[in-house]
Amino acid sequence: MIGLPPFEDAAQFGPAARQMVDANTTVVAMSGPPLMHGTGCWLGLMFPHMLGGTSVCWRTAVLNQKRFGARRADRVSQIIIVGDAFAKPLWGLETEPDRWDTSSLKLMISSGAIFSRPR
């Protein structure tokens, strides 16, 4: 998920964070769910920070098509979602594949809800 082998000990987080900061490869995560949701808190806030990364936070918990294009300067590398409700705005890429700059995006994580059948 972050380009490093799995950690076997919590003591490995510090050196890994230093390595990622020095290499300018830290995680920039944007959490769709609010931070009171376990998925939003752990994957969108705590995990990136444990490795020297950044979390992009919003004043409202609405994840919509405007949100994906609003913060290009943040260079988000991970989007955290919870199932279909958060993934549906991405359907806009089917009809307009160049609508948003997704060049920095490496990973989309969904946890806490299942996806419906493909349409």
PDB file of N, CA and C in Angstrom:
ATOM      1  N   MET A   1       0.811  -1.192   0.000  1.00  0.00           N
ATOM      2  CA  MET A   1       0.000   0.000   0.000  1.00  0.00           C
ATOM      3  C   MET A   1       0.861   1.265   0.000  1.00  0.00           C
ATOM      4  N   ILE A   2       2.022   1.217   0.607  1.00  0.00           N
ATOM      5  CA  ILE A   2       2.868   2.402   0.692  1.00  0.00           C
ATOM      6  C   ILE A   2       4.228   2.186   0.045  1.00  0.00           C
ATOM      7  N   GLY A   3       4.406   1.055  -0.595  1.00  0.00           N
ATOM      8  CA  GLY A   3       5.666   0.777  -1.267  1.00  0.00           C
ATOM      9  C   GLY A   3       6.757   0.233  -0.368  1.00  0.00           C
ATOM     10  N   LEU A   4       6.395  -0.178   0.834  1.00  0.00           N
ATOM     11  CA  LEU A   4       7.349  -0.763   1.770  1.00  0.00           C
ATOM     12  C   LEU A   4       6.872  -2.152   2.170  1.00  0.00           C
ATOM     13  N   PRO A   5       7.789  -3.035   2.568  1.00  0.00           N
ATOM     14  CA  PRO A   5       7.354  -4.346   3.040  1.00  0.00           C
ATOM     15  C   PRO A   5       6.549  -4.202   4.335  1.00  0.00           C
ATOM     16  N   PRO A   6       5.684  -5.173   4.642  1.00  0.00           N
ATOM     17  CA  PRO A   6       4.888  -5.100   5.878  1.00  0.00           C
ATOM     18  C   PRO A   6       5.787  -4.971   7.112  1.00  0.00           C
ATOM     19  N   PHE A   7       5.338  -4.195   8.070  1.00  0.00           N
ATOM     20  CA  PHE A   7       6.088  -4.029   9.313  1.00  0.00           C
ATOM     21  C   PHE A   7       5.867  -5.232  10.216  1.00  0.00           C
ATOM     22  N   GLU A   8       6.913  -5.663  10.869  1.00  0.00           N
ATOM     23  CA  GLU A   8       6.819  -6.762  11.829  1.00  0.00           C
ATOM     24  C   GLU A   8       6.803  -6.246  13.255  1.00  0.00           C
ATOM     25  N   ASP A   9       7.134  -4.973  13.440  1.00  0.00           N
ATOM     26  CA  ASP A   9       7.239  -4.393  14.775  1.00  0.00           C
ATOM     27  C   ASP A   9       6.869  -2.915  14.690  1.00  0.00           C
ATOM     28  N   ALA A  10       6.191  -2.401  15.716  1.00  0.00           N
ATOM     29  CA  ALA A  10       5.784  -0.993  15.727  1.00  0.00           C
ATOM     30  C   ALA A  10       6.978  -0.047  15.681  1.00  0.00           C
ATOM     31  N   ALA A  11       8.130  -0.511  16.123  1.00  0.00           N
ATOM     32  CA  ALA A  11       9.333   0.326  16.112  1.00  0.00           C
ATOM     33  C   ALA A  11       9.773   0.677  14.691  1.00  0.00           C
ATOM     34  N   GLN A  12       9.245  -0.004  13.692  1.00  0.00           N
ATOM     35  CA  GLN A  12       9.618   0.259  12.304  1.00  0.00           C
ATOM     36  C   GLN A  12       8.921   1.492  11.726  1.00  0.00           C
ATOM     37  N   PHE A  13       7.863   1.982  12.389  1.00  0.00           N
ATOM     38  CA  PHE A  13       7.137   3.138  11.864  1.00  0.00           C
ATOM     39  C   PHE A  13       8.006   4.387  11.797  1.00  0.00           C
ATOM     40  N   GLY A  14       8.764   4.679  12.840  1.00  0.00           N
ATOM     41  CA  GLY A  14       9.596   5.887  12.865  1.00  0.00           C
ATOM     42  C   GLY A  14      10.599   5.934  11.723  1.00  0.00           C
ATOM     43  N   PRO A  15      11.442   4.894  11.576  1.00  0.00           N
ATOM     44  CA  PRO A  15      12.393   4.902  10.460  1.00  0.00           C
ATOM     45  C   PRO A  15      11.708   4.932   9.088  1.00  0.00           C
ATOM     46  N   ALA A  16      10.570   4.251   8.964  1.00  0.00           N
ATOM     47  CA  ALA A  16       9.849   4.261   7.685  1.00  0.00           C
ATOM     48  C   ALA A  16       9.325   5.657   7.381  1.00  0.00           C
ATOM     49  N   ALA A  17       8.801   6.339   8.405  1.00  0.00           N
ATOM     50  CA  ALA A  17       8.316   7.707   8.216  1.00  0.00           C
ATOM     51  C   ALA A  17       9.459   8.616   7.777  1.00  0.00           C
ATOM     52  N   ARG A  18      10.598   8.497   8.418  1.00  0.00           N
ATOM     53  CA  ARG A  18      11.761   9.312   8.051  1.00  0.00           C
ATOM     54  C   ARG A  18      12.163   9.040   6.602  1.00  0.00           C
ATOM     55  N   GLN A  19      12.174   7.761   6.217  1.00  0.00           N
ATOM     56  CA  GLN A  19      12.540   7.377   4.852  1.00  0.00           C
ATOM     57  C   GLN A  19      11.576   7.996   3.841  1.00  0.00           C
ATOM     58  N   MET A  20      10.283   7.956   4.141  1.00  0.00           N
ATOM     59  CA  MET A  20       9.288   8.499   3.217  1.00  0.00           C
ATOM     60  C   MET A  20       9.368  10.021   3.136  1.00  0.00           C
ATOM     61  N   VAL A  21       9.591  10.687   4.275  1.00  0.00           N
ATOM     62  CA  VAL A  21       9.728  12.147   4.273  1.00  0.00           C
ATOM     63  C   VAL A  21      10.962  12.552   3.474  1.00  0.00           C
ATOM     64  N   ASP A  22      12.078  11.886   3.723  1.00  0.00           N
ATOM     65  CA  ASP A  22      13.321  12.209   3.008  1.00  0.00           C
ATOM     66  C   ASP A  22      13.197  11.989   1.502  1.00  0.00           C
ATOM     67  N   ALA A  23      12.428  10.977   1.111  1.00  0.00           N
ATOM     68  CA  ALA A  23      12.252  10.660  -0.310  1.00  0.00           C
ATOM     69  C   ALA A  23      11.083  11.421  -0.938  1.00  0.00           C
ATOM     70  N   ASN A  24      10.394  12.254  -0.142  1.00  0.00           N
ATOM     71  CA  ASN A  24       9.221  12.997  -0.608  1.00  0.00           C
ATOM     72  C   ASN A  24       8.158  12.068  -1.188  1.00  0.00           C
ATOM     73  N   THR A  25       7.925  10.950  -0.495  1.00  0.00           N
ATOM     74  CA  THR A  25       6.925   9.973  -0.943  1.00  0.00           C
ATOM     75  C   THR A  25       5.860   9.732   0.123  1.00  0.00           C
ATOM     76  N   THR A  26       5.640  10.703   0.987  1.00  0.00           N
ATOM     77  CA  THR A  26       4.644  10.516   2.039  1.00  0.00           C
ATOM     78  C   THR A  26       3.238  10.448   1.457  1.00  0.00           C
ATOM     79  N   VAL A  27       2.349   9.843   2.205  1.00  0.00           N
ATOM     80  CA  VAL A  27       0.952   9.681   1.819  1.00  0.00           C
ATOM     81  C   VAL A  27       0.208  11.000   2.011  1.00  0.00           C
ATOM     82  N   VAL A  28      -0.615  11.362   1.028  1.00  0.00           N
ATOM     83  CA  VAL A  28      -1.561  12.465   1.164  1.00  0.00           C
ATOM     84  C   VAL A  28      -2.938  11.835   1.004  1.00  0.00           C
ATOM     85  N   ALA A  29      -3.664  11.721   2.109  1.00  0.00           N
ATOM     86  CA  ALA A  29      -4.941  11.011   2.111  1.00  0.00           C
ATOM     87  C   ALA A  29      -6.112  11.979   2.202  1.00  0.00           C
ATOM     88  N   MET A  30      -7.161  11.692   1.436  1.00  0.00           N
ATOM     89  CA  MET A  30      -8.410  12.440   1.524  1.00  0.00           C
ATOM     90  C   MET A  30      -9.482  11.468   1.977  1.00  0.00           C
ATOM     91  N   SER A  31     -10.081  11.766   3.116  1.00  0.00           N
ATOM     92  CA  SER A  31     -11.086  10.879   3.682  1.00  0.00           C
ATOM     93  C   SER A  31     -12.481  11.341   3.297  1.00  0.00           C
ATOM     94  N   GLY A  32     -13.235  10.447   2.670  1.00  0.00           N
ATOM     95  CA  GLY A  32     -14.625  10.745   2.356  1.00  0.00           C
ATOM     96  C   GLY A  32     -15.498  10.705   3.595  1.00  0.00           C
ATOM     97  N   PRO A  33     -15.409   9.627   4.390  1.00  0.00           N
ATOM     98  CA  PRO A  33     -16.240   9.566   5.585  1.00  0.00           C
ATOM     99  C   PRO A  33     -15.724  10.528   6.656  1.00  0.00           C
ATOM    100  N   PRO A  34     -16.612  10.954   7.553  1.00  0.00           N
ATOM    101  CA  PRO A  34     -16.159  11.831   8.634  1.00  0.00           C
ATOM    102  C   PRO A  34     -15.155  11.106   9.528  1.00  0.00           C
ATOM    103  N   LEU A  35     -14.340  11.874  10.215  1.00  0.00           N
ATOM    104  CA  LEU A  35     -13.295  11.282  11.042  1.00  0.00           C
ATOM    105  C   LEU A  35     -13.844  10.545  12.259  1.00  0.00           C
ATOM    106  N   MET A  36     -15.126  10.734  12.588  1.00  0.00           N
ATOM    107  CA  MET A  36     -15.711   9.957  13.683  1.00  0.00           C
ATOM    108  C   MET A  36     -15.996   8.520  13.240  1.00  0.00           C
ATOM    109  N   HIS A  37     -15.983   8.264  11.943  1.00  0.00           N
ATOM    110  CA  HIS A  37     -16.150   6.918  11.398  1.00  0.00           C
ATOM    111  C   HIS A  37     -14.783   6.241  11.461  1.00  0.00           C
ATOM    112  N   GLY A  38     -14.726   5.008  11.896  1.00  0.00           N
ATOM    113  CA  GLY A  38     -13.454   4.303  12.030  1.00  0.00           C
ATOM    114  C   GLY A  38     -12.630   4.314  10.761  1.00  0.00           C
ATOM    115  N   THR A  39     -13.278   4.122   9.621  1.00  0.00           N
ATOM    116  CA  THR A  39     -12.553   4.125   8.350  1.00  0.00           C
ATOM    117  C   THR A  39     -11.923   5.487   8.099  1.00  0.00           C
ATOM    118  N   GLY A  40     -12.681   6.542   8.320  1.00  0.00           N
ATOM    119  CA  GLY A  40     -12.155   7.886   8.110  1.00  0.00           C
ATOM    120  C   GLY A  40     -11.021   8.221   9.058  1.00  0.00           C
ATOM    121  N   CYS A  41     -11.178   7.850  10.320  1.00  0.00           N
ATOM    122  CA  CYS A  41     -10.170   8.169  11.329  1.00  0.00           C
ATOM    123  C   CYS A  41      -8.888   7.368  11.134  1.00  0.00           C
ATOM    124  N   TRP A  42      -9.002   6.057  11.059  1.00  0.00           N
ATOM    125  CA  TRP A  42      -7.803   5.215  10.985  1.00  0.00           C
ATOM    126  C   TRP A  42      -7.099   5.303   9.637  1.00  0.00           C
ATOM    127  N   LEU A  43      -7.847   5.169   8.553  1.00  0.00           N
ATOM    128  CA  LEU A  43      -7.212   5.147   7.233  1.00  0.00           C
ATOM    129  C   LEU A  43      -6.986   6.539   6.656  1.00  0.00           C
ATOM    130  N   GLY A  44      -7.845   7.483   7.010  1.00  0.00           N
ATOM    131  CA  GLY A  44      -7.735   8.818   6.441  1.00  0.00           C
ATOM    132  C   GLY A  44      -6.916   9.796   7.253  1.00  0.00           C
ATOM    133  N   LEU A  45      -6.718   9.505   8.537  1.00  0.00           N
ATOM    134  CA  LEU A  45      -6.015  10.445   9.402  1.00  0.00           C
ATOM    135  C   LEU A  45      -4.826   9.800  10.116  1.00  0.00           C
ATOM    136  N   MET A  46      -5.089   8.774  10.900  1.00  0.00           N
ATOM    137  CA  MET A  46      -4.024   8.215  11.740  1.00  0.00           C
ATOM    138  C   MET A  46      -2.931   7.509  10.938  1.00  0.00           C
ATOM    139  N   PHE A  47      -3.314   6.679   9.983  1.00  0.00           N
ATOM    140  CA  PHE A  47      -2.307   5.949   9.204  1.00  0.00           C
ATOM    141  C   PHE A  47      -1.372   6.898   8.451  1.00  0.00           C
ATOM    142  N   PRO A  48      -1.895   7.881   7.706  1.00  0.00           N
ATOM    143  CA  PRO A  48      -0.973   8.800   7.024  1.00  0.00           C
ATOM    144  C   PRO A  48      -0.052   9.535   8.005  1.00  0.00           C
ATOM    145  N   HIS A  49      -0.601   9.962   9.139  1.00  0.00           N
ATOM    146  CA  HIS A  49       0.209  10.711  10.101  1.00  0.00           C
ATOM    147  C   HIS A  49       1.279   9.842  10.751  1.00  0.00           C
ATOM    148  N   MET A  50       1.002   8.564  10.946  1.00  0.00           N
ATOM    149  CA  MET A  50       1.997   7.660  11.530  1.00  0.00           C
ATOM    150  C   MET A  50       3.210   7.512  10.625  1.00  0.00           C
ATOM    151  N   LEU A  51       3.041   7.809   9.342  1.00  0.00           N
ATOM    152  CA  LEU A  51       4.147   7.690   8.394  1.00  0.00           C
ATOM    153  C   LEU A  51       4.590   9.047   7.851  1.00  0.00           C
ATOM    154  N   GLY A  52       4.329  10.112   8.608  1.00  0.00           N
ATOM    155  CA  GLY A  52       4.800  11.436   8.217  1.00  0.00           C
ATOM    156  C   GLY A  52       4.000  12.091   7.118  1.00  0.00           C
ATOM    157  N   GLY A  53       2.808  11.561   6.838  1.00  0.00           N
ATOM    158  CA  GLY A  53       1.995  12.066   5.740  1.00  0.00           C
ATOM    159  C   GLY A  53       1.039  13.172   6.135  1.00  0.00           C
ATOM    160  N   THR A  54       0.107  13.428   5.245  1.00  0.00           N
ATOM    161  CA  THR A  54      -0.839  14.530   5.365  1.00  0.00           C
ATOM    162  C   THR A  54      -2.255  14.017   5.157  1.00  0.00           C
ATOM    163  N   SER A  55      -3.204  14.647   5.833  1.00  0.00           N
ATOM    164  CA  SER A  55      -4.618  14.351   5.624  1.00  0.00           C
ATOM    165  C   SER A  55      -5.309  15.608   5.122  1.00  0.00           C
ATOM    166  N   VAL A  56      -6.069  15.460   4.060  1.00  0.00           N
ATOM    167  CA  VAL A  56      -6.866  16.561   3.529  1.00  0.00           C
ATOM    168  C   VAL A  56      -8.229  16.460   4.190  1.00  0.00           C
ATOM    169  N   CYS A  57      -8.601  17.477   4.954  1.00  0.00           N
ATOM    170  CA  CYS A  57      -9.871  17.457   5.689  1.00  0.00           C
ATOM    171  C   CYS A  57     -10.820  18.505   5.119  1.00  0.00           C
ATOM    172  N   TRP A  58     -12.113  18.249   5.294  1.00  0.00           N
ATOM    173  CA  TRP A  58     -13.164  19.119   4.782  1.00  0.00           C
ATOM    174  C   TRP A  58     -14.064  19.552   5.923  1.00  0.00           C
ATOM    175  N   ARG A  59     -14.714  20.689   5.767  1.00  0.00           N
ATOM    176  CA  ARG A  59     -15.636  21.173   6.800  1.00  0.00           C
ATOM    177  C   ARG A  59     -16.929  20.375   6.840  1.00  0.00           C
ATOM    178  N   THR A  60     -17.315  19.828   5.720  1.00  0.00           N
ATOM    179  CA  THR A  60     -18.537  19.027   5.663  1.00  0.00           C
ATOM    180  C   THR A  60     -18.180  17.619   5.229  1.00  0.00           C
ATOM    181  N   ALA A  61     -19.048  16.695   5.530  1.00  0.00           N
ATOM    182  CA  ALA A  61     -18.787  15.285   5.209  1.00  0.00           C
ATOM    183  C   ALA A  61     -19.398  14.875   3.880  1.00  0.00           C
ATOM    184  N   VAL A  62     -19.675  15.828   3.011  1.00  0.00           N
ATOM    185  CA  VAL A  62     -20.277  15.508   1.723  1.00  0.00           C
ATOM    186  C   VAL A  62     -19.176  15.226   0.709  1.00  0.00           C
ATOM    187  N   LEU A  63     -19.182  14.030   0.158  1.00  0.00           N
ATOM    188  CA  LEU A  63     -18.209  13.684  -0.876  1.00  0.00           C
ATOM    189  C   LEU A  63     -18.957  13.698  -2.201  1.00  0.00           C
ATOM    190  N   ASN A  64     -18.668  14.685  -3.029  1.00  0.00           N
ATOM    191  CA  ASN A  64     -19.374  14.800  -4.298  1.00  0.00           C
ATOM    192  C   ASN A  64     -18.381  15.108  -5.413  1.00  0.00           C
ATOM    193  N   GLN A  65     -18.901  15.310  -6.618  1.00  0.00           N
ATOM    194  CA  GLN A  65     -18.024  15.522  -7.763  1.00  0.00           C
ATOM    195  C   GLN A  65     -17.215  16.804  -7.641  1.00  0.00           C
ATOM    196  N   LYS A  66     -17.762  17.832  -7.030  1.00  0.00           N
ATOM    197  CA  LYS A  66     -17.008  19.075  -6.856  1.00  0.00           C
ATOM    198  C   LYS A  66     -15.789  18.852  -5.968  1.00  0.00           C
ATOM    199  N   ARG A  67     -15.947  18.028  -4.978  1.00  0.00           N
ATOM    200  CA  ARG A  67     -14.864  17.791  -4.024  1.00  0.00           C
ATOM    201  C   ARG A  67     -13.637  17.188  -4.699  1.00  0.00           C
ATOM    202  N   PHE A  68     -13.823  16.281  -5.635  1.00  0.00           N
ATOM    203  CA  PHE A  68     -12.684  15.621  -6.268  1.00  0.00           C
ATOM    204  C   PHE A  68     -11.831  16.590  -7.076  1.00  0.00           C
ATOM    205  N   GLY A  69     -12.432  17.612  -7.635  1.00  0.00           N
ATOM    206  CA  GLY A  69     -11.669  18.556  -8.438  1.00  0.00           C
ATOM    207  C   GLY A  69     -11.253  19.816  -7.706  1.00  0.00           C
ATOM    208  N   ALA A  70     -11.703  19.975  -6.484  1.00  0.00           N
ATOM    209  CA  ALA A  70     -11.511  21.240  -5.781  1.00  0.00           C
ATOM    210  C   ALA A  70     -10.109  21.465  -5.247  1.00  0.00           C
ATOM    211  N   ARG A  71      -9.354  20.423  -4.975  1.00  0.00           N
ATOM    212  CA  ARG A  71      -8.076  20.585  -4.287  1.00  0.00           C
ATOM    213  C   ARG A  71      -6.919  19.960  -5.057  1.00  0.00           C
ATOM    214  N   ARG A  72      -6.737  20.308  -6.287  1.00  0.00           N
ATOM    215  CA  ARG A  72      -5.649  19.740  -7.094  1.00  0.00           C
ATOM    216  C   ARG A  72      -4.278  19.972  -6.464  1.00  0.00           C
ATOM    217  N   ALA A  73      -4.117  21.100  -5.794  1.00  0.00           N
ATOM    218  CA  ALA A  73      -2.811  21.433  -5.213  1.00  0.00           C
ATOM    219  C   ALA A  73      -2.401  20.464  -4.113  1.00  0.00           C
ATOM    220  N   ASP A  74      -3.359  19.768  -3.528  1.00  0.00           N
ATOM    221  CA  ASP A  74      -3.034  18.840  -2.444  1.00  0.00           C
ATOM    222  C   ASP A  74      -2.349  17.576  -2.935  1.00  0.00           C
ATOM    223  N   ARG A  75      -2.484  17.255  -4.211  1.00  0.00           N
ATOM    224  CA  ARG A  75      -1.847  16.060  -4.790  1.00  0.00           C
ATOM    225  C   ARG A  75      -2.185  14.811  -3.975  1.00  0.00           C
ATOM    226  N   VAL A  76      -3.463  14.560  -3.804  1.00  0.00           N
ATOM    227  CA  VAL A  76      -3.940  13.416  -3.025  1.00  0.00           C
ATOM    228  C   VAL A  76      -3.444  12.116  -3.650  1.00  0.00           C
ATOM    229  N   SER A  77      -2.860  11.250  -2.817  1.00  0.00           N
ATOM    230  CA  SER A  77      -2.369   9.953  -3.301  1.00  0.00           C
ATOM    231  C   SER A  77      -3.277   8.807  -2.879  1.00  0.00           C
ATOM    232  N   GLN A  78      -4.121   9.036  -1.864  1.00  0.00           N
ATOM    233  CA  GLN A  78      -5.062   8.006  -1.423  1.00  0.00           C
ATOM    234  C   GLN A  78      -6.413   8.639  -1.136  1.00  0.00           C
ATOM    235  N   ILE A  79      -7.468   7.989  -1.614  1.00  0.00           N
ATOM    236  CA  ILE A  79      -8.827   8.398  -1.283  1.00  0.00           C
ATOM    237  C   ILE A  79      -9.432   7.289  -0.444  1.00  0.00           C
ATOM    238  N   ILE A  80     -10.026   7.651   0.672  1.00  0.00           N
ATOM    239  CA  ILE A  80     -10.655   6.676   1.552  1.00  0.00           C
ATOM    240  C   ILE A  80     -12.162   6.861   1.429  1.00  0.00           C
ATOM    241  N   ILE A  81     -12.861   5.768   1.141  1.00  0.00           N
ATOM    242  CA  ILE A  81     -14.313   5.819   0.966  1.00  0.00           C
ATOM    243  C   ILE A  81     -14.968   4.693   1.764  1.00  0.00           C
ATOM    244  N   VAL A  82     -16.296   4.727   1.807  1.00  0.00           N
ATOM    245  CA  VAL A  82     -17.076   3.661   2.429  1.00  0.00           C
ATOM    246  C   VAL A  82     -18.158   3.248   1.438  1.00  0.00           C
ATOM    247  N   GLY A  83     -17.839   2.277   0.597  1.00  0.00           N
ATOM    248  CA  GLY A  83     -18.812   1.693  -0.320  1.00  0.00           C
ATOM    249  C   GLY A  83     -19.347   2.621  -1.394  1.00  0.00           C
ATOM    250  N   ASP A  84     -20.496   2.225  -1.945  1.00  0.00           N
ATOM    251  CA  ASP A  84     -21.115   2.905  -3.085  1.00  0.00           C
ATOM    252  C   ASP A  84     -21.419   4.379  -2.860  1.00  0.00           C
ATOM    253  N   ALA A  85     -21.896   4.710  -1.686  1.00  0.00           N
ATOM    254  CA  ALA A  85     -22.300   6.095  -1.445  1.00  0.00           C
ATOM    255  C   ALA A  85     -21.154   7.064  -1.711  1.00  0.00           C
ATOM    256  N   PHE A  86     -19.948   6.634  -1.467  1.00  0.00           N
ATOM    257  CA  PHE A  86     -18.786   7.485  -1.681  1.00  0.00           C
ATOM    258  C   PHE A  86     -18.163   7.272  -3.055  1.00  0.00           C
ATOM    259  N   ALA A  87     -18.370   6.117  -3.650  1.00  0.00           N
ATOM    260  CA  ALA A  87     -17.766   5.816  -4.949  1.00  0.00           C
ATOM    261  C   ALA A  87     -18.563   6.399  -6.115  1.00  0.00           C
ATOM    262  N   LYS A  88     -19.851   6.615  -5.935  1.00  0.00           N
ATOM    263  CA  LYS A  88     -20.698   7.058  -7.043  1.00  0.00           C
ATOM    264  C   LYS A  88     -20.240   8.348  -7.719  1.00  0.00           C
ATOM    265  N   PRO A  89     -19.724   9.346  -6.990  1.00  0.00           N
ATOM    266  CA  PRO A  89     -19.247  10.543  -7.709  1.00  0.00           C
ATOM    267  C   PRO A  89     -18.150  10.242  -8.728  1.00  0.00           C
ATOM    268  N   LEU A  90     -17.422   9.164  -8.522  1.00  0.00           N
ATOM    269  CA  LEU A  90     -16.346   8.804  -9.451  1.00  0.00           C
ATOM    270  C   LEU A  90     -16.874   8.304 -10.787  1.00  0.00           C
ATOM    271  N   TRP A  91     -18.149   7.973 -10.859  1.00  0.00           N
ATOM    272  CA  TRP A  91     -18.722   7.538 -12.130  1.00  0.00           C
ATOM    273  C   TRP A  91     -18.612   8.635 -13.181  1.00  0.00           C
ATOM    274  N   GLY A  92     -18.454   9.876 -12.749  1.00  0.00           N
ATOM    275  CA  GLY A  92     -18.270  10.974 -13.693  1.00  0.00           C
ATOM    276  C   GLY A  92     -17.050  10.784 -14.578  1.00  0.00           C
ATOM    277  N   LEU A  93     -16.089   9.991 -14.119  1.00  0.00           N
ATOM    278  CA  LEU A  93     -14.891   9.734 -14.925  1.00  0.00           C
ATOM    279  C   LEU A  93     -15.185   8.858 -16.139  1.00  0.00           C
ATOM    280  N   GLU A  94     -16.281   8.104 -16.107  1.00  0.00           N
ATOM    281  CA  GLU A  94     -16.632   7.274 -17.263  1.00  0.00           C
ATOM    282  C   GLU A  94     -16.964   8.130 -18.470  1.00  0.00           C
ATOM    283  N   THR A  95     -17.681   9.213 -18.254  1.00  0.00           N
ATOM    284  CA  THR A  95     -18.087  10.071 -19.365  1.00  0.00           C
ATOM    285  C   THR A  95     -17.095  11.201 -19.626  1.00  0.00           C
ATOM    286  N   GLU A  96     -16.347  11.593 -18.607  1.00  0.00           N
ATOM    287  CA  GLU A  96     -15.349  12.658 -18.747  1.00  0.00           C
ATOM    288  C   GLU A  96     -14.043  12.210 -18.091  1.00  0.00           C
ATOM    289  N   PRO A  97     -13.272  11.335 -18.748  1.00  0.00           N
ATOM    290  CA  PRO A  97     -12.082  10.767 -18.109  1.00  0.00           C
ATOM    291  C   PRO A  97     -11.011  11.790 -17.726  1.00  0.00           C
ATOM    292  N   ASP A  98     -11.021  12.951 -18.348  1.00  0.00           N
ATOM    293  CA  ASP A  98     -10.026  13.976 -18.020  1.00  0.00           C
ATOM    294  C   ASP A  98     -10.585  15.062 -17.108  1.00  0.00           C
ATOM    295  N   ARG A  99     -11.734  14.798 -16.517  1.00  0.00           N
ATOM    296  CA  ARG A  99     -12.411  15.794 -15.696  1.00  0.00           C
ATOM    297  C   ARG A  99     -11.566  16.246 -14.504  1.00  0.00           C
ATOM    298  N   TRP A 100     -10.909  15.303 -13.846  1.00  0.00           N
ATOM    299  CA  TRP A 100     -10.078  15.614 -12.684  1.00  0.00           C
ATOM    300  C   TRP A 100      -8.664  15.121 -12.922  1.00  0.00           C
ATOM    301  N   ASP A 101      -7.717  15.814 -12.361  1.00  0.00           N
ATOM    302  CA  ASP A 101      -6.323  15.381 -12.417  1.00  0.00           C
ATOM    303  C   ASP A 101      -6.127  14.288 -11.370  1.00  0.00           C
ATOM    304  N   THR A 102      -6.047  13.066 -11.821  1.00  0.00           N
ATOM    305  CA  THR A 102      -5.865  11.930 -10.909  1.00  0.00           C
ATOM    306  C   THR A 102      -4.442  11.375 -10.989  1.00  0.00           C
ATOM    307  N   SER A 103      -3.524  12.143 -11.547  1.00  0.00           N
ATOM    308  CA  SER A 103      -2.165  11.636 -11.754  1.00  0.00           C
ATOM    309  C   SER A 103      -1.441  11.300 -10.454  1.00  0.00           C
ATOM    310  N   SER A 104      -1.799  11.942  -9.351  1.00  0.00           N
ATOM    311  CA  SER A 104      -1.141  11.648  -8.075  1.00  0.00           C
ATOM    312  C   SER A 104      -1.817  10.507  -7.319  1.00  0.00           C
ATOM    313  N   LEU A 105      -3.021  10.130  -7.732  1.00  0.00           N
ATOM    314  CA  LEU A 105      -3.784   9.103  -7.022  1.00  0.00           C
ATOM    315  C   LEU A 105      -3.192   7.718  -7.262  1.00  0.00           C
ATOM    316  N   LYS A 106      -2.839   7.041  -6.179  1.00  0.00           N
ATOM    317  CA  LYS A 106      -2.252   5.708  -6.266  1.00  0.00           C
ATOM    318  C   LYS A 106      -3.166   4.630  -5.714  1.00  0.00           C
ATOM    319  N   LEU A 107      -4.081   5.010  -4.826  1.00  0.00           N
ATOM    320  CA  LEU A 107      -4.853   4.006  -4.106  1.00  0.00           C
ATOM    321  C   LEU A 107      -6.196   4.567  -3.669  1.00  0.00           C
ATOM    322  N   MET A 108      -7.243   3.760  -3.806  1.00  0.00           N
ATOM    323  CA  MET A 108      -8.537   4.078  -3.235  1.00  0.00           C
ATOM    324  C   MET A 108      -8.897   2.929  -2.311  1.00  0.00           C
ATOM    325  N   ILE A 109      -9.168   3.248  -1.062  1.00  0.00           N
ATOM    326  CA  ILE A 109      -9.476   2.241  -0.049  1.00  0.00           C
ATOM    327  C   ILE A 109     -10.944   2.369   0.319  1.00  0.00           C
ATOM    328  N   SER A 110     -11.654   1.245   0.333  1.00  0.00           N
ATOM    329  CA  SER A 110     -13.033   1.227   0.802  1.00  0.00           C
ATOM    330  C   SER A 110     -13.141   0.211   1.924  1.00  0.00           C
ATOM    331  N   SER A 111     -13.779   0.616   3.000  1.00  0.00           N
ATOM    332  CA  SER A 111     -13.950  -0.264   4.145  1.00  0.00           C
ATOM    333  C   SER A 111     -15.246   0.111   4.846  1.00  0.00           C
ATOM    334  N   GLY A 112     -15.898  -0.863   5.439  1.00  0.00           N
ATOM    335  CA  GLY A 112     -17.076  -0.578   6.236  1.00  0.00           C
ATOM    336  C   GLY A 112     -18.402  -0.763   5.529  1.00  0.00           C
ATOM    337  N   ALA A 113     -18.406  -0.983   4.219  1.00  0.00           N
ATOM    338  CA  ALA A 113     -19.640  -1.216   3.471  1.00  0.00           C
ATOM    339  C   ALA A 113     -19.293  -1.950   2.182  1.00  0.00           C
ATOM    340  N   ILE A 114     -20.218  -2.749   1.719  1.00  0.00           N
ATOM    341  CA  ILE A 114     -19.981  -3.505   0.489  1.00  0.00           C
ATOM    342  C   ILE A 114     -20.388  -2.671  -0.725  1.00  0.00           C
ATOM    343  N   PHE A 115     -19.869  -3.047  -1.874  1.00  0.00           N
ATOM    344  CA  PHE A 115     -20.269  -2.424  -3.127  1.00  0.00           C
ATOM    345  C   PHE A 115     -21.457  -3.181  -3.696  1.00  0.00           C
ATOM    346  N   SER A 116     -22.298  -2.482  -4.445  1.00  0.00           N
ATOM    347  CA  SER A 116     -23.395  -3.150  -5.137  1.00  0.00           C
ATOM    348  C   SER A 116     -22.843  -3.815  -6.392  1.00  0.00           C
ATOM    349  N   ARG A 117     -23.693  -4.525  -7.088  1.00  0.00           N
ATOM    350  CA  ARG A 117     -23.265  -5.168  -8.336  1.00  0.00           C
ATOM    351  C   ARG A 117     -22.914  -4.111  -9.369  1.00  0.00           C
ATOM    352  N   PRO A 118     -21.956  -4.410 -10.244  1.00  0.00           N
ATOM    353  CA  PRO A 118     -21.607  -3.440 -11.294  1.00  0.00           C
ATOM    354  C   PRO A 118     -22.820  -3.110 -12.146  1.00  0.00           C
ATOM    355  N   ARG A 119     -22.893  -1.878 -12.610  1.00  0.00           N
ATOM    356  CA  ARG A 119     -24.039  -1.483 -13.428  1.00  0.00           C
ATOM    357  C   ARG A 119     -23.831  -1.846 -14.858  1.00  0.00           C
TER     358      ARG A 119
END
